[in-house]
Amino acid sequence: MAKSLQQIDDYYLSQGLKGEALRSALENDSEYQRLLKERKAVINNKYGITEEEEKEYLLPNEEDYEILSIVKTLKNENLSETDIEIVELIKTQLQDDWRGPLLEKLKKLLQKYS
């Protein structure tokens, strides 16, 4: 019977691995890597995410792929200026440095109302 990603992960956890040791074991497990690659391909196809986008954004779970897919769809719509700002801010939350754009927006609001 084929194992799932979760079963493989659980096995290493039951062996007492955690943190960097767990990540290293999973990176070196060929079955885990094969399953992960297959899963990513299915998700990429489902949400229309390109390899470039996958490299640009942090997409650790399927909800993040869905968020990016919706953002891409909305960018093709005739949005109001406010909605464009909201969509752009949401997209920044998928980036590695998500705090910078959030702080920038908050500072603008603070300045506006101070």
Protein backbone atom coordinates (compact mmCIF):
# COMPACT_ATOMS: atom_id res chain seq x y z
CA MET A 1 0.00 0.00 0.00
CA ALA A 2 1.34 3.44 -0.96
CA LYS A 3 2.12 5.81 1.87
CA SER A 4 0.84 9.36 2.08
CA LEU A 5 2.87 12.47 2.83
CA GLN A 6 1.31 12.54 6.30
CA GLN A 7 2.15 8.90 6.99
CA ILE A 8 5.79 9.47 6.06
CA ASP A 9 5.91 12.61 8.19
CA ASP A 10 4.29 10.77 11.11
CA TYR A 11 6.84 7.96 10.82
CA TYR A 12 9.76 10.35 11.24
CA LEU A 13 8.00 12.11 14.11
CA SER A 14 7.51 8.74 15.83
CA GLN A 15 11.27 8.20 15.48
CA GLY A 16 11.79 11.34 17.56
CA LEU A 17 12.83 13.63 14.73
CA LYS A 18 11.81 17.27 14.85
CA GLY A 19 12.93 20.63 13.57
CA GLU A 20 15.97 20.58 11.30
CA ALA A 21 16.44 16.80 11.67
CA LEU A 22 12.86 16.18 10.51
CA ARG A 23 13.22 18.57 7.58
CA SER A 24 16.48 16.93 6.55
CA ALA A 25 14.96 13.44 6.73
CA LEU A 26 11.99 14.52 4.59
CA GLU A 27 14.25 16.24 2.05
CA ASN A 28 16.28 13.04 1.71
CA ASP A 29 13.28 10.69 1.54
CA SER A 30 12.79 9.96 -2.18
CA GLU A 31 9.23 8.65 -1.74
CA TYR A 32 8.23 11.77 0.20
CA GLN A 33 9.81 14.04 -2.43
CA ARG A 34 8.06 12.18 -5.26
CA LEU A 35 4.68 12.46 -3.54
CA LEU A 36 5.29 16.12 -2.74
CA LYS A 37 6.17 16.88 -6.36
CA GLU A 38 3.00 15.11 -7.56
CA ARG A 39 0.85 16.99 -5.05
CA LYS A 40 2.36 20.35 -6.03
CA ALA A 41 1.72 19.63 -9.72
CA VAL A 42 -1.94 18.88 -9.02
CA ILE A 43 -2.34 22.04 -6.93
CA ASN A 44 -0.50 24.19 -9.50
CA ASN A 45 -2.78 22.92 -12.26
CA LYS A 46 -5.90 23.35 -10.12
CA TYR A 47 -5.13 27.00 -9.33
CA GLY A 48 -3.14 27.99 -12.42
CA ILE A 49 0.00 28.97 -10.51
CA THR A 50 3.21 29.19 -12.53
CA GLU A 51 6.64 28.03 -11.40
CA GLU A 52 7.79 31.66 -11.30
CA GLU A 53 4.90 32.58 -9.00
CA GLU A 54 5.62 29.59 -6.83
CA LYS A 55 9.19 30.83 -6.38
CA GLU A 56 8.09 34.43 -5.73
CA TYR A 57 5.47 33.70 -3.07
CA LEU A 58 5.33 31.62 0.09
CA LEU A 59 2.74 28.95 -0.61
CA PRO A 60 3.02 26.40 2.22
CA ASN A 61 -0.55 25.16 1.97
CA GLU A 62 -3.35 24.88 -0.55
CA GLU A 63 -5.22 27.89 0.83
CA ASP A 64 -2.26 30.08 -0.15
CA TYR A 65 -2.48 28.80 -3.75
CA GLU A 66 -6.19 29.57 -3.72
CA ILE A 67 -5.56 33.11 -2.42
CA LEU A 68 -3.02 33.78 -5.17
CA SER A 69 -5.38 32.35 -7.79
CA ILE A 70 -8.21 34.63 -6.65
CA VAL A 71 -5.85 37.64 -6.58
CA LYS A 72 -4.83 36.88 -10.18
CA THR A 73 -8.47 36.61 -11.23
CA LEU A 74 -9.42 39.86 -9.51
CA LYS A 75 -6.54 41.74 -11.14
CA ASN A 76 -8.27 41.13 -14.49
CA GLU A 77 -11.50 42.72 -13.26
CA ASN A 78 -12.46 46.39 -13.37
CA LEU A 79 -11.88 47.02 -9.66
CA SER A 80 -12.30 50.26 -7.80
CA GLU A 81 -9.15 52.01 -6.60
CA THR A 82 -9.87 50.88 -3.04
CA ASP A 83 -10.37 47.27 -4.09
CA ILE A 84 -7.13 47.35 -6.10
CA GLU A 85 -5.29 48.49 -2.96
CA ILE A 86 -6.89 45.71 -0.92
CA VAL A 87 -6.00 43.04 -3.49
CA GLU A 88 -2.41 44.31 -3.70
CA LEU A 89 -2.10 44.28 0.10
CA ILE A 90 -3.46 40.74 0.25
CA LYS A 91 -0.93 39.64 -2.37
CA THR A 92 1.92 41.07 -0.29
CA GLN A 93 0.92 38.76 2.54
CA LEU A 94 2.11 35.82 0.44
CA GLN A 95 5.62 37.27 0.18
CA ASP A 96 8.56 36.43 2.41
CA ASP A 97 8.73 40.03 3.66
CA TRP A 98 5.02 40.53 4.28
CA ARG A 99 5.51 42.82 7.26
CA GLY A 100 7.12 45.64 5.25
CA PRO A 101 4.12 46.36 3.00
CA LEU A 102 1.77 45.99 5.97
CA LEU A 103 3.75 48.49 8.05
CA GLU A 104 3.89 50.89 5.10
CA LYS A 105 0.11 50.80 4.70
CA LEU A 106 -0.45 51.21 8.44
CA LYS A 107 1.89 54.21 8.59
CA LYS A 108 0.01 55.86 5.71
CA LEU A 109 -3.26 55.34 7.56
CA LEU A 110 -1.76 56.68 10.79
CA GLN A 111 -0.48 59.76 8.98
CA LYS A 112 -3.88 60.26 7.33
CA TYR A 113 -5.74 60.22 10.64
CA SER A 114 -3.16 61.96 12.86
